[in-house]
C-alpha atoms as a PDB file:
ATOM      1  CA  MET A   1      13.119   1.913  -1.491  1.00  0.00           C
ATOM      2  CA  GLU A   2      16.142   2.337  -3.736  1.00  0.00           C
ATOM      3  CA  ARG A   3      18.068   5.605  -3.708  1.00  0.00           C
ATOM      4  CA  LYS A   4      20.203   7.211  -6.408  1.00  0.00           C
ATOM      5  CA  GLU A   5      23.308   9.334  -5.900  1.00  0.00           C
ATOM      6  CA  ALA A   6      23.494  11.798  -3.007  1.00  0.00           C
ATOM      7  CA  GLY A   7      22.864  14.738  -5.350  1.00  0.00           C
ATOM      8  CA  THR A   8      19.207  13.809  -5.509  1.00  0.00           C
ATOM      9  CA  ILE A   9      18.737  14.601  -1.801  1.00  0.00           C
ATOM     10  CA  GLU A  10      18.137  18.043  -0.269  1.00  0.00           C
ATOM     11  CA  LYS A  11      17.851  18.675   3.450  1.00  0.00           C
ATOM     12  CA  ILE A  12      15.851  21.599   4.818  1.00  0.00           C
ATOM     13  CA  GLY A  13      16.333  21.428   8.555  1.00  0.00           C
ATOM     14  CA  GLY A  14      15.199  17.956   9.535  1.00  0.00           C
ATOM     15  CA  VAL A  15      13.086  17.422   6.397  1.00  0.00           C
ATOM     16  CA  THR A  16      14.448  15.278   3.548  1.00  0.00           C
ATOM     17  CA  LEU A  17      13.497  16.098  -0.052  1.00  0.00           C
ATOM     18  CA  ASP A  18      14.247  13.302  -2.536  1.00  0.00           C
ATOM     19  CA  TYR A  19      14.441  14.351  -6.211  1.00  0.00           C
ATOM     20  CA  THR A  20      15.081  10.864  -7.616  1.00  0.00           C
ATOM     21  CA  TRP A  21      11.856  11.035  -9.620  1.00  0.00           C
ATOM     22  CA  TYR A  22      11.729  14.788 -10.263  1.00  0.00           C
ATOM     23  CA  PRO A  23      11.203  15.505 -14.004  1.00  0.00           C
ATOM     24  CA  GLY A  24      13.487  18.554 -13.938  1.00  0.00           C
ATOM     25  CA  GLU A  25      10.825  21.261 -13.921  1.00  0.00           C
ATOM     26  CA  ASP A  26       7.615  22.013 -12.057  1.00  0.00           C
ATOM     27  CA  LEU A  27       4.778  20.929 -14.305  1.00  0.00           C
ATOM     28  CA  TYR A  28       2.271  23.139 -12.515  1.00  0.00           C
ATOM     29  CA  SER A  29       2.440  26.328 -10.493  1.00  0.00           C
ATOM     30  CA  ASP A  30       0.209  28.993  -9.016  1.00  0.00           C
ATOM     31  CA  GLY A  31       2.663  31.594 -10.328  1.00  0.00           C
ATOM     32  CA  ASP A  32       4.317  34.446  -8.434  1.00  0.00           C
ATOM     33  CA  VAL A  33       2.253  33.841  -5.302  1.00  0.00           C
ATOM     34  CA  GLU A  34       4.401  30.784  -4.613  1.00  0.00           C
ATOM     35  CA  GLU A  35       7.363  33.121  -4.063  1.00  0.00           C
ATOM     36  CA  GLU A  36       5.342  34.851  -1.348  1.00  0.00           C
ATOM     37  CA  LEU A  37       4.443  31.497   0.209  1.00  0.00           C
ATOM     38  CA  LEU A  38       8.096  30.442   0.186  1.00  0.00           C
ATOM     39  CA  GLN A  39       9.108  33.718   1.851  1.00  0.00           C
ATOM     40  CA  ILE A  40       6.520  33.202   4.598  1.00  0.00           C
ATOM     41  CA  ALA A  41       7.689  29.629   5.179  1.00  0.00           C
ATOM     42  CA  ARG A  42      11.321  30.772   5.433  1.00  0.00           C
ATOM     43  CA  ASP A  43      10.755  33.843   7.592  1.00  0.00           C
ATOM     44  CA  TYR A  44       8.116  32.664  10.066  1.00  0.00           C
ATOM     45  CA  THR A  45       7.593  29.717  12.356  1.00  0.00           C
ATOM     46  CA  GLU A  46       4.249  28.022  12.819  1.00  0.00           C
ATOM     47  CA  GLY A  47       3.336  30.303  15.715  1.00  0.00           C
ATOM     48  CA  GLY A  48       3.445  33.342  13.426  1.00  0.00           C
ATOM     49  CA  TYR A  49       1.142  32.095  10.692  1.00  0.00           C
ATOM     50  CA  ASP A  50      -2.073  33.443  12.236  1.00  0.00           C
ATOM     51  CA  GLN A  51      -0.621  36.948  12.286  1.00  0.00           C
ATOM     52  CA  VAL A  52       0.532  36.690   8.654  1.00  0.00           C
ATOM     53  CA  VAL A  53      -2.877  35.425   7.522  1.00  0.00           C
ATOM     54  CA  ALA A  54      -4.621  38.312   9.315  1.00  0.00           C
ATOM     55  CA  GLN A  55      -2.248  40.941   7.929  1.00  0.00           C
ATOM     56  CA  ARG A  56      -2.101  39.893   4.282  1.00  0.00           C
ATOM     57  CA  LYS A  57      -5.824  39.218   3.732  1.00  0.00           C
ATOM     58  CA  SER A  58      -4.967  36.998   0.773  1.00  0.00           C
ATOM     59  CA  TRP A  59      -6.794  33.825  -0.231  1.00  0.00           C
ATOM     60  CA  PRO A  60      -3.607  31.900  -1.152  1.00  0.00           C
ATOM     61  CA  VAL A  61      -2.024  32.818   2.194  1.00  0.00           C
ATOM     62  CA  LEU A  62      -5.208  31.900   4.081  1.00  0.00           C
ATOM     63  CA  TYR A  63      -5.563  28.630   2.191  1.00  0.00           C
ATOM     64  CA  HIS A  64      -1.987  27.485   2.625  1.00  0.00           C
ATOM     65  CA  PHE A  65      -1.259  28.766   6.149  1.00  0.00           C
ATOM     66  CA  SER A  66      -4.543  28.773   8.077  1.00  0.00           C
ATOM     67  CA  ARG A  67      -4.524  26.303  10.954  1.00  0.00           C
ATOM     68  CA  VAL A  68      -8.241  25.719  10.307  1.00  0.00           C
ATOM     69  CA  ARG A  69      -7.110  23.472   7.460  1.00  0.00           C
ATOM     70  CA  GLN A  70      -5.861  20.983  10.039  1.00  0.00           C
ATOM     71  CA  ASN A  71      -9.360  20.361  11.401  1.00  0.00           C
ATOM     72  CA  ILE A  72      -9.890  17.875   8.594  1.00  0.00           C
ATOM     73  CA  ILE A  73      -7.346  15.433  10.091  1.00  0.00           C
ATOM     74  CA  SER A  74      -6.632  16.502  13.688  1.00  0.00           C
ATOM     75  CA  TRP A  75      -9.375  14.239  15.084  1.00  0.00           C
ATOM     76  CA  LEU A  76      -8.093  11.038  13.470  1.00  0.00           C
ATOM     77  CA  PRO A  77      -6.745   8.333  15.840  1.00  0.00           C
ATOM     78  CA  VAL A  78      -3.164   8.488  14.528  1.00  0.00           C
ATOM     79  CA  THR A  79      -0.355   7.545  16.931  1.00  0.00           C
ATOM     80  CA  LYS A  80       3.442   7.505  16.946  1.00  0.00           C
ATOM     81  CA  GLU A  81       3.286   3.838  15.917  1.00  0.00           C
ATOM     82  CA  HIS A  82       1.741   4.869  12.587  1.00  0.00           C
ATOM     83  CA  GLU A  83       3.414   5.497   9.251  1.00  0.00           C
ATOM     84  CA  VAL A  84       1.542   7.923   6.995  1.00  0.00           C
ATOM     85  CA  LEU A  85       1.618   8.460   3.239  1.00  0.00           C
ATOM     86  CA  GLU A  86       0.421  11.914   2.157  1.00  0.00           C
ATOM     87  CA  ILE A  87      -0.262  11.908  -1.588  1.00  0.00           C
ATOM     88  CA  GLY A  88      -0.234  15.432  -3.009  1.00  0.00           C
ATOM     89  CA  SER A  89       1.219  17.197   0.036  1.00  0.00           C
ATOM     90  CA  GLY A  90       1.425  20.603  -1.686  1.00  0.00           C
ATOM     91  CA  CYS A  91       2.812  23.384   0.509  1.00  0.00           C
ATOM     92  CA  GLY A  92       2.459  21.306   3.665  1.00  0.00           C
ATOM     93  CA  ALA A  93      -0.757  22.673   5.162  1.00  0.00           C
ATOM     94  CA  LEU A  94      -1.451  19.246   6.676  1.00  0.00           C
ATOM     95  CA  THR A  95       2.014  17.702   6.753  1.00  0.00           C
ATOM     96  CA  GLY A  96       3.047  19.243  10.069  1.00  0.00           C
ATOM     97  CA  MET A  97      -0.068  18.052  11.864  1.00  0.00           C
ATOM     98  CA  LEU A  98       0.371  14.553  10.446  1.00  0.00           C
ATOM     99  CA  ALA A  99       4.021  14.556  11.579  1.00  0.00           C
ATOM    100  CA  GLN A 100       2.995  15.723  15.042  1.00  0.00           C
ATOM    101  CA  MET A 101       0.594  12.798  15.295  1.00  0.00           C
ATOM    102  CA  ALA A 102       2.448   9.992  13.501  1.00  0.00           C
ATOM    103  CA  GLY A 103       5.828   8.324  13.769  1.00  0.00           C
ATOM    104  CA  HIS A 104       6.803   9.083  10.172  1.00  0.00           C
ATOM    105  CA  VAL A 105       5.246  10.887   7.209  1.00  0.00           C
ATOM    106  CA  THR A 106       6.148  10.170   3.596  1.00  0.00           C
ATOM    107  CA  CYS A 107       4.935  12.856   1.191  1.00  0.00           C
ATOM    108  CA  VAL A 108       4.550  12.582  -2.573  1.00  0.00           C
ATOM    109  CA  GLU A 109       4.422  15.930  -4.383  1.00  0.00           C
ATOM    110  CA  LEU A 110       4.984  16.819  -8.042  1.00  0.00           C
ATOM    111  CA  SER A 111       6.154  20.407  -7.467  1.00  0.00           C
ATOM    112  CA  ARG A 112       9.687  21.149  -6.252  1.00  0.00           C
ATOM    113  CA  ARG A 113       8.758  24.689  -5.183  1.00  0.00           C
ATOM    114  CA  ARG A 114       5.817  23.497  -3.117  1.00  0.00           C
ATOM    115  CA  SER A 115       7.949  20.775  -1.580  1.00  0.00           C
ATOM    116  CA  GLN A 116      10.513  23.393  -0.547  1.00  0.00           C
ATOM    117  CA  ILE A 117       7.752  25.492   1.038  1.00  0.00           C
ATOM    118  CA  ASN A 118       6.691  22.365   2.927  1.00  0.00           C
ATOM    119  CA  GLY A 119      10.289  21.710   3.948  1.00  0.00           C
ATOM    120  CA  TYR A 120      10.858  25.208   5.340  1.00  0.00           C
ATOM    121  CA  ARG A 121       7.609  25.325   7.297  1.00  0.00           C
ATOM    122  CA  ASN A 122       8.360  21.931   8.885  1.00  0.00           C
ATOM    123  CA  ARG A 123      12.148  22.272   9.169  1.00  0.00           C
ATOM    124  CA  LEU A 124      12.079  21.714  12.926  1.00  0.00           C
ATOM    125  CA  ARG A 125      10.577  18.240  12.483  1.00  0.00           C
ATOM    126  CA  GLU A 126      12.699  15.123  11.950  1.00  0.00           C
ATOM    127  CA  ASN A 127      10.112  12.611  10.692  1.00  0.00           C
ATOM    128  CA  ILE A 128       9.135  13.952   7.246  1.00  0.00           C
ATOM    129  CA  GLU A 129      10.390  12.739   3.871  1.00  0.00           C
ATOM    130  CA  ILE A 130       9.143  14.352   0.655  1.00  0.00           C
ATOM    131  CA  LEU A 131       9.411  12.363  -2.590  1.00  0.00           C
ATOM    132  CA  VAL A 132       9.285  14.923  -5.398  1.00  0.00           C
ATOM    133  CA  GLY A 133       7.835  13.687  -8.688  1.00  0.00           C
ATOM    134  CA  ASN A 134       4.754  12.207 -10.310  1.00  0.00           C
ATOM    135  CA  TYR A 135       2.902   9.771  -8.070  1.00  0.00           C
ATOM    136  CA  GLN A 136       2.610   7.272 -10.916  1.00  0.00           C
ATOM    137  CA  ASP A 137       6.415   7.101 -11.212  1.00  0.00           C
ATOM    138  CA  ILE A 138       6.938   6.817  -7.455  1.00  0.00           C
ATOM    139  CA  GLU A 139       4.027   4.534  -6.570  1.00  0.00           C
ATOM    140  CA  LYS A 140       5.713   1.234  -7.446  1.00  0.00           C
ATOM    141  CA  GLU A 141       8.569   2.051  -5.027  1.00  0.00           C
ATOM    142  CA  LEU A 142       6.345   2.767  -2.036  1.00  0.00           C
ATOM    143  CA  GLY A 143       5.935   0.437   0.906  1.00  0.00           C
ATOM    144  CA  ARG A 144       2.907  -0.001   3.150  1.00  0.00           C
ATOM    145  CA  PHE A 145       1.339   2.495   5.520  1.00  0.00           C
ATOM    146  CA  ASN A 146      -1.167   2.696   8.355  1.00  0.00           C
ATOM    147  CA  LEU A 147      -2.781   5.818   6.889  1.00  0.00           C
ATOM    148  CA  ILE A 148      -2.882   7.197   3.345  1.00  0.00           C
ATOM    149  CA  THR A 149      -4.331  10.640   2.655  1.00  0.00           C
ATOM    150  CA  LEU A 150      -5.919  11.795  -0.595  1.00  0.00           C
ATOM    151  CA  ILE A 151      -7.033  15.266   0.471  1.00  0.00           C
ATOM    152  CA  GLY A 152      -7.764  17.659  -2.371  1.00  0.00           C
ATOM    153  CA  VAL A 153      -5.999  15.230  -4.704  1.00  0.00           C
ATOM    154  CA  PHE A 154      -8.412  12.569  -5.923  1.00  0.00           C
ATOM    155  CA  GLU A 155     -10.134  14.931  -8.369  1.00  0.00           C
ATOM    156  CA  TYR A 156      -6.816  15.141 -10.276  1.00  0.00           C
ATOM    157  CA  ALA A 157      -6.353  11.355 -10.569  1.00  0.00           C
ATOM    158  CA  LYS A 158      -6.386  11.524 -14.360  1.00  0.00           C
ATOM    159  CA  GLY A 159      -3.205  13.608 -14.245  1.00  0.00           C
ATOM    160  CA  TYR A 160      -1.550  11.282 -11.731  1.00  0.00           C
ATOM    161  CA  ILE A 161      -2.668   7.963 -13.203  1.00  0.00           C
ATOM    162  CA  GLY A 162      -4.037   8.364 -16.731  1.00  0.00           C
ATOM    163  CA  GLY A 163      -5.908   5.530 -18.422  1.00  0.00           C
ATOM    164  CA  GLU A 164      -9.615   4.970 -18.955  1.00  0.00           C
ATOM    165  CA  ASP A 165     -10.618   4.740 -15.286  1.00  0.00           C
ATOM    166  CA  PRO A 166      -7.979   6.652 -13.294  1.00  0.00           C
ATOM    167  CA  TYR A 167     -10.176   7.236 -10.234  1.00  0.00           C
ATOM    168  CA  VAL A 168     -10.854   3.551  -9.656  1.00  0.00           C
ATOM    169  CA  GLU A 169      -7.222   2.705 -10.419  1.00  0.00           C
ATOM    170  CA  MET A 170      -5.864   5.315  -8.025  1.00  0.00           C
ATOM    171  CA  LEU A 171      -7.951   3.878  -5.190  1.00  0.00           C
ATOM    172  CA  ARG A 172      -6.884   0.330  -6.055  1.00  0.00           C
ATOM    173  CA  GLN A 173      -3.236   1.368  -6.009  1.00  0.00           C
ATOM    174  CA  ALA A 174      -3.648   3.137  -2.677  1.00  0.00           C
ATOM    175  CA  VAL A 175      -5.342   0.091  -1.149  1.00  0.00           C
ATOM    176  CA  GLY A 176      -2.341  -1.982  -2.203  1.00  0.00           C
ATOM    177  CA  HIS A 177      -0.130   0.177   0.041  1.00  0.00           C
ATOM    178  CA  LEU A 178      -2.186  -0.261   3.211  1.00  0.00           C
ATOM    179  CA  LYS A 179      -0.919  -2.223   6.156  1.00  0.00           C
ATOM    180  CA  PRO A 180      -3.438  -4.590   7.791  1.00  0.00           C
ATOM    181  CA  GLY A 181      -6.077  -2.449   9.466  1.00  0.00           C
ATOM    182  CA  GLY A 182      -4.897   0.637   7.568  1.00  0.00           C
ATOM    183  CA  GLN A 183      -7.147   3.402   6.291  1.00  0.00           C
ATOM    184  CA  ILE A 184      -7.387   5.807   3.370  1.00  0.00           C
ATOM    185  CA  VAL A 185      -8.631   9.338   4.084  1.00  0.00           C
ATOM    186  CA  LEU A 186     -10.197  10.928   1.009  1.00  0.00           C
ATOM    187  CA  ALA A 187     -11.515  14.512   0.927  1.00  0.00           C
ATOM    188  CA  ILE A 188     -13.123  16.027  -2.151  1.00  0.00           C
ATOM    189  CA  GLU A 189     -15.776  18.535  -3.187  1.00  0.00           C
ATOM    190  CA  ASN A 190     -19.308  17.305  -3.915  1.00  0.00           C
ATOM    191  CA  ARG A 191     -20.021  17.912  -7.607  1.00  0.00           C
ATOM    192  CA  ILE A 192     -23.615  18.838  -6.744  1.00  0.00           C
ATOM    193  CA  GLY A 193     -22.847  20.589  -3.448  1.00  0.00           C
ATOM    194  CA  LEU A 194     -25.339  23.269  -2.432  1.00  0.00           C
ATOM    195  CA  LYS A 195     -22.804  26.074  -2.809  1.00  0.00           C
ATOM    196  CA  TYR A 196     -22.674  25.542  -6.572  1.00  0.00           C
ATOM    197  CA  TRP A 197     -26.452  25.912  -6.876  1.00  0.00           C
ATOM    198  CA  ALA A 198     -26.296  28.972  -4.617  1.00  0.00           C
ATOM    199  CA  GLY A 199     -23.901  30.863  -6.897  1.00  0.00           C
ATOM    200  CA  PHE A 200     -20.350  29.712  -6.165  1.00  0.00           C
ATOM    201  CA  THR A 201     -18.075  28.997  -9.110  1.00  0.00           C
ATOM    202  CA  GLU A 202     -16.652  25.494  -9.503  1.00  0.00           C
ATOM    203  CA  ASP A 203     -13.581  25.307  -7.246  1.00  0.00           C
ATOM    204  CA  HIS A 204     -11.062  24.073  -9.788  1.00  0.00           C
ATOM    205  CA  VAL A 205     -11.950  25.935 -12.994  1.00  0.00           C
ATOM    206  CA  GLY A 206     -13.704  29.032 -11.637  1.00  0.00           C
ATOM    207  CA  GLU A 207     -16.757  28.755 -13.903  1.00  0.00           C
ATOM    208  CA  TYR A 208     -20.374  28.908 -12.795  1.00  0.00           C
ATOM    209  CA  TYR A 209     -22.267  25.589 -13.000  1.00  0.00           C
ATOM    210  CA  GLU A 210     -19.407  23.759 -14.761  1.00  0.00           C
ATOM    211  CA  GLY A 211     -19.533  20.836 -12.351  1.00  0.00           C
ATOM    212  CA  LEU A 212     -23.323  20.803 -12.120  1.00  0.00           C
ATOM    213  CA  GLU A 213     -23.472  20.473 -15.915  1.00  0.00           C
ATOM    214  CA  GLY A 214     -21.060  17.537 -15.892  1.00  0.00           C
ATOM    215  CA  TYR A 215     -17.849  19.399 -16.852  1.00  0.00           C
ATOM    216  CA  PRO A 216     -18.690  19.952 -20.543  1.00  0.00           C
ATOM    217  CA  ASP A 217     -15.676  22.245 -21.065  1.00  0.00           C
ATOM    218  CA  THR A 218     -13.184  20.725 -18.618  1.00  0.00           C
ATOM    219  CA  ASP A 219     -10.655  17.932 -18.963  1.00  0.00           C
ATOM    220  CA  GLY A 220      -8.336  16.650 -16.269  1.00  0.00           C
ATOM    221  CA  VAL A 221     -10.401  17.283 -13.135  1.00  0.00           C
ATOM    222  CA  ARG A 222     -13.578  15.648 -11.833  1.00  0.00           C
ATOM    223  CA  THR A 223     -15.565  15.719  -8.623  1.00  0.00           C
ATOM    224  CA  PHE A 224     -18.438  13.398  -7.771  1.00  0.00           C
ATOM    225  CA  SER A 225     -21.881  13.296  -6.250  1.00  0.00           C
ATOM    226  CA  LYS A 226     -22.236  10.914  -3.322  1.00  0.00           C
ATOM    227  CA  PRO A 227     -23.796   8.083  -5.398  1.00  0.00           C
ATOM    228  CA  ALA A 228     -21.096   8.456  -8.072  1.00  0.00           C
ATOM    229  CA  LEU A 229     -18.308   8.430  -5.489  1.00  0.00           C
ATOM    230  CA  CYS A 230     -19.844   5.347  -3.869  1.00  0.00           C
ATOM    231  CA  GLU A 231     -19.769   3.629  -7.259  1.00  0.00           C
ATOM    232  CA  VAL A 232     -16.076   4.446  -7.761  1.00  0.00           C
ATOM    233  CA  ILE A 233     -15.359   3.034  -4.296  1.00  0.00           C
ATOM    234  CA  ARG A 234     -17.393  -0.105  -5.103  1.00  0.00           C
ATOM    235  CA  GLN A 235     -15.436  -0.697  -8.302  1.00  0.00           C
ATOM    236  CA  ALA A 236     -12.125  -0.229  -6.490  1.00  0.00           C
ATOM    237  CA  GLY A 237     -12.693  -3.361  -4.384  1.00  0.00           C
ATOM    238  CA  ASP A 238     -14.069  -4.647  -1.132  1.00  0.00           C
ATOM    239  CA  LEU A 239     -13.870  -1.432   0.861  1.00  0.00           C
ATOM    240  CA  LYS A 240     -15.790  -0.213   3.867  1.00  0.00           C
ATOM    241  CA  ALA A 241     -16.599   3.486   3.439  1.00  0.00           C
ATOM    242  CA  ASP A 242     -17.649   5.853   6.224  1.00  0.00           C
ATOM    243  CA  PHE A 243     -18.841   9.249   4.970  1.00  0.00           C
ATOM    244  CA  TYR A 244     -18.338  12.516   6.845  1.00  0.00           C
ATOM    245  CA  TYR A 245     -19.422  16.016   5.862  1.00  0.00           C
ATOM    246  CA  PRO A 246     -17.012  18.895   6.596  1.00  0.00           C
ATOM    247  CA  PHE A 247     -18.788  22.230   6.863  1.00  0.00           C
ATOM    248  CA  PRO A 248     -18.684  24.597   5.119  1.00  0.00           C
ATOM    249  CA  ASP A 249     -16.213  22.442   3.152  1.00  0.00           C
ATOM    250  CA  TYR A 250     -13.098  20.343   3.627  1.00  0.00           C
ATOM    251  CA  LYS A 251     -10.707  23.234   2.931  1.00  0.00           C
ATOM    252  CA  LEU A 252     -11.628  25.348   5.979  1.00  0.00           C
ATOM    253  CA  PRO A 253     -13.852  23.053   8.041  1.00  0.00           C
ATOM    254  CA  ARG A 254     -15.490  24.523  11.134  1.00  0.00           C
ATOM    255  CA  VAL A 255     -17.235  21.274  12.012  1.00  0.00           C
ATOM    256  CA  ILE A 256     -17.360  17.736  10.622  1.00  0.00           C
ATOM    257  CA  TYR A 257     -20.690  15.925  10.599  1.00  0.00           C
ATOM    258  CA  SER A 258     -21.268  12.210  10.128  1.00  0.00           C
ATOM    259  CA  ASP A 259     -24.179   9.946   9.282  1.00  0.00           C
ATOM    260  CA  ALA A 260     -24.424   9.311  13.025  1.00  0.00           C
ATOM    261  CA  TYR A 261     -24.653  13.046  13.787  1.00  0.00           C
ATOM    262  CA  LEU A 262     -26.115  15.289  11.110  1.00  0.00           C
ATOM    263  CA  PRO A 263     -26.858  19.012  11.544  1.00  0.00           C
ATOM    264  CA  LYS A 264     -30.171  20.185  12.887  1.00  0.00           C
ATOM    265  CA  PRO A 265     -32.287  22.985  11.354  1.00  0.00           C
ATOM    266  CA  GLY A 266     -30.868  26.397  12.278  1.00  0.00           C
ATOM    267  CA  GLU A 267     -27.444  25.002  13.161  1.00  0.00           C
ATOM    268  CA  LEU A 268     -25.505  26.031  10.064  1.00  0.00           C
ATOM    269  CA  GLY A 269     -26.187  29.766   9.847  1.00  0.00           C
ATOM    270  CA  GLU A 270     -26.778  31.851   6.745  1.00  0.00           C
ATOM    271  CA  ASP A 271     -24.811  32.702   3.595  1.00  0.00           C
ATOM    272  CA  PHE A 272     -21.099  31.950   3.330  1.00  0.00           C
ATOM    273  CA  PRO A 273     -18.268  33.839   1.627  1.00  0.00           C
ATOM    274  CA  ASN A 274     -16.400  32.715  -1.466  1.00  0.00           C
ATOM    275  CA  TYR A 275     -12.920  33.775  -0.367  1.00  0.00           C
ATOM    276  CA  ASP A 276     -11.084  33.675  -3.662  1.00  0.00           C
ATOM    277  CA  ARG A 277     -13.687  34.728  -6.246  1.00  0.00           C
ATOM    278  CA  GLU A 278     -16.861  36.706  -6.667  1.00  0.00           C
ATOM    279  CA  ARG A 279     -20.131  34.836  -6.359  1.00  0.00           C
ATOM    280  CA  ILE A 280     -23.802  35.171  -7.201  1.00  0.00           C
ATOM    281  CA  LEU A 281     -26.163  35.265  -4.213  1.00  0.00           C
ATOM    282  CA  ALA A 282     -28.902  33.134  -5.732  1.00  0.00           C
ATOM    283  CA  PHE A 283     -30.874  32.366  -2.563  1.00  0.00           C
ATOM    284  CA  SER A 284     -30.552  32.045   1.198  1.00  0.00           C
ATOM    285  CA  GLU A 285     -28.261  29.079   1.773  1.00  0.00           C
ATOM    286  CA  GLY A 286     -29.289  28.909   5.413  1.00  0.00           C
ATOM    287  CA  ARG A 287     -32.980  28.468   4.624  1.00  0.00           C
ATOM    288  CA  VAL A 288     -32.302  25.973   1.845  1.00  0.00           C
ATOM    289  CA  LEU A 289     -29.953  24.007   4.100  1.00  0.00           C
ATOM    290  CA  ASP A 290     -32.656  23.854   6.752  1.00  0.00           C
ATOM    291  CA  SER A 291     -35.145  22.487   4.217  1.00  0.00           C
ATOM    292  CA  LEU A 292     -32.646  19.876   3.007  1.00  0.00           C
ATOM    293  CA  ILE A 293     -31.915  18.847   6.596  1.00  0.00           C
ATOM    294  CA  GLN A 294     -35.613  18.498   7.349  1.00  0.00           C
ATOM    295  CA  ASP A 295     -36.076  16.299   4.267  1.00  0.00           C
ATOM    296  CA  GLY A 296     -33.062  14.102   5.070  1.00  0.00           C
ATOM    297  CA  LEU A 297     -31.010  15.307   2.087  1.00  0.00           C
ATOM    298  CA  PHE A 298     -28.079  17.073   3.744  1.00  0.00           C
ATOM    299  CA  ASP A 299     -25.659  14.255   2.883  1.00  0.00           C
ATOM    300  CA  GLN A 300     -26.521  14.511  -0.824  1.00  0.00           C
ATOM    301  CA  PHE A 301     -25.955  18.275  -1.048  1.00  0.00           C
ATOM    302  CA  ALA A 302     -23.100  18.776   1.437  1.00  0.00           C
ATOM    303  CA  ASN A 303     -20.370  20.902  -0.130  1.00  0.00           C
ATOM    304  CA  SER A 304     -17.616  18.352   0.524  1.00  0.00           C
ATOM    305  CA  PHE A 305     -17.108  14.744   1.484  1.00  0.00           C
ATOM    306  CA  LEU A 306     -14.562  13.227   3.829  1.00  0.00           C
ATOM    307  CA  VAL A 307     -14.479   9.456   3.389  1.00  0.00           C
ATOM    308  CA  ILE A 308     -12.606   6.970   5.569  1.00  0.00           C
ATOM    309  CA  LEU A 309     -11.903   3.785   3.617  1.00  0.00           C
ATOM    310  CA  GLU A 310     -10.574   0.480   4.810  1.00  0.00           C
ATOM    311  CA  LYS A 311     -10.474  -3.085   3.555  1.00  0.00           C
ATOM    312  CA  GLU A 312     -13.361  -5.269   4.580  1.00  0.00           C
ATOM    313  CA  GLU A 313     -12.362  -7.907   7.119  1.00  0.00           C
ATOM    314  CA  GLY A 314     -10.820 -10.959   5.524  1.00  0.00           C
ATOM    315  CA  GLN A 315      -9.567  -9.094   2.448  1.00  0.00           C
ATOM    316  CA  GLY A 316      -5.881  -9.281   1.550  1.00  0.00           C
END
């Protein structure tokens, strides 16, 4: 990968931030809370995050610093022989775990501030490089990887890719950067997940039933039902897809089910909190979940999907 002058590089401890493709300003931000996140990353090491999360009782702090986030990837068979591409690395909630597992992690992240938060929290690691800029500008310069993650990112493909079919195109591009035997890890909310029927607002826009109604008032973000996601995967090429079901969702997963091991009635408990917003309590989620499980429908109404994708044997 070509590099420009040395002024485009920033080092935070052992982490390299490359601003070759940075547009000069952060094109999105969560606002003042990012200053708090940066302060936490600077002032604490990983061992202190649990205490900070407990003390501050803040959804952004919980979301960005809870170690529960790492459950979504910690079980993957990644080794020090593997090179990982993390698309949309954000504030680094998963970057450290990936770096602990893999030989090298290349991150792509649009926000400079978030990349700096990531750099400070992982400053003791030596195998992380963060490419700051739009994925579409950086993509053509990327090499090939054993593992590519699209976790909490795929729903924003229109902003990364553009065009008439950005979701299919983003998957096709990612597949082109896989080494032989490599895998893509995709995590995304289920557009028709049970929580939205039960009175949770749509995760990205904060409106009741917006996703269930097909996003009539939203542009730039989309989630998918399982059949719709399967169709996107089919159009992207000859890919083998294994579906998993993080519970209660992929953001703070307590357990990850698979088609080989689905939950049993009574296993999932009762009603679940919406940490960052108010919610309607429309019905007992526990009882409805039990009825869906008994009727073999849990996979259709799971709140989130985790999909492991790889090229079918014999594909280039």
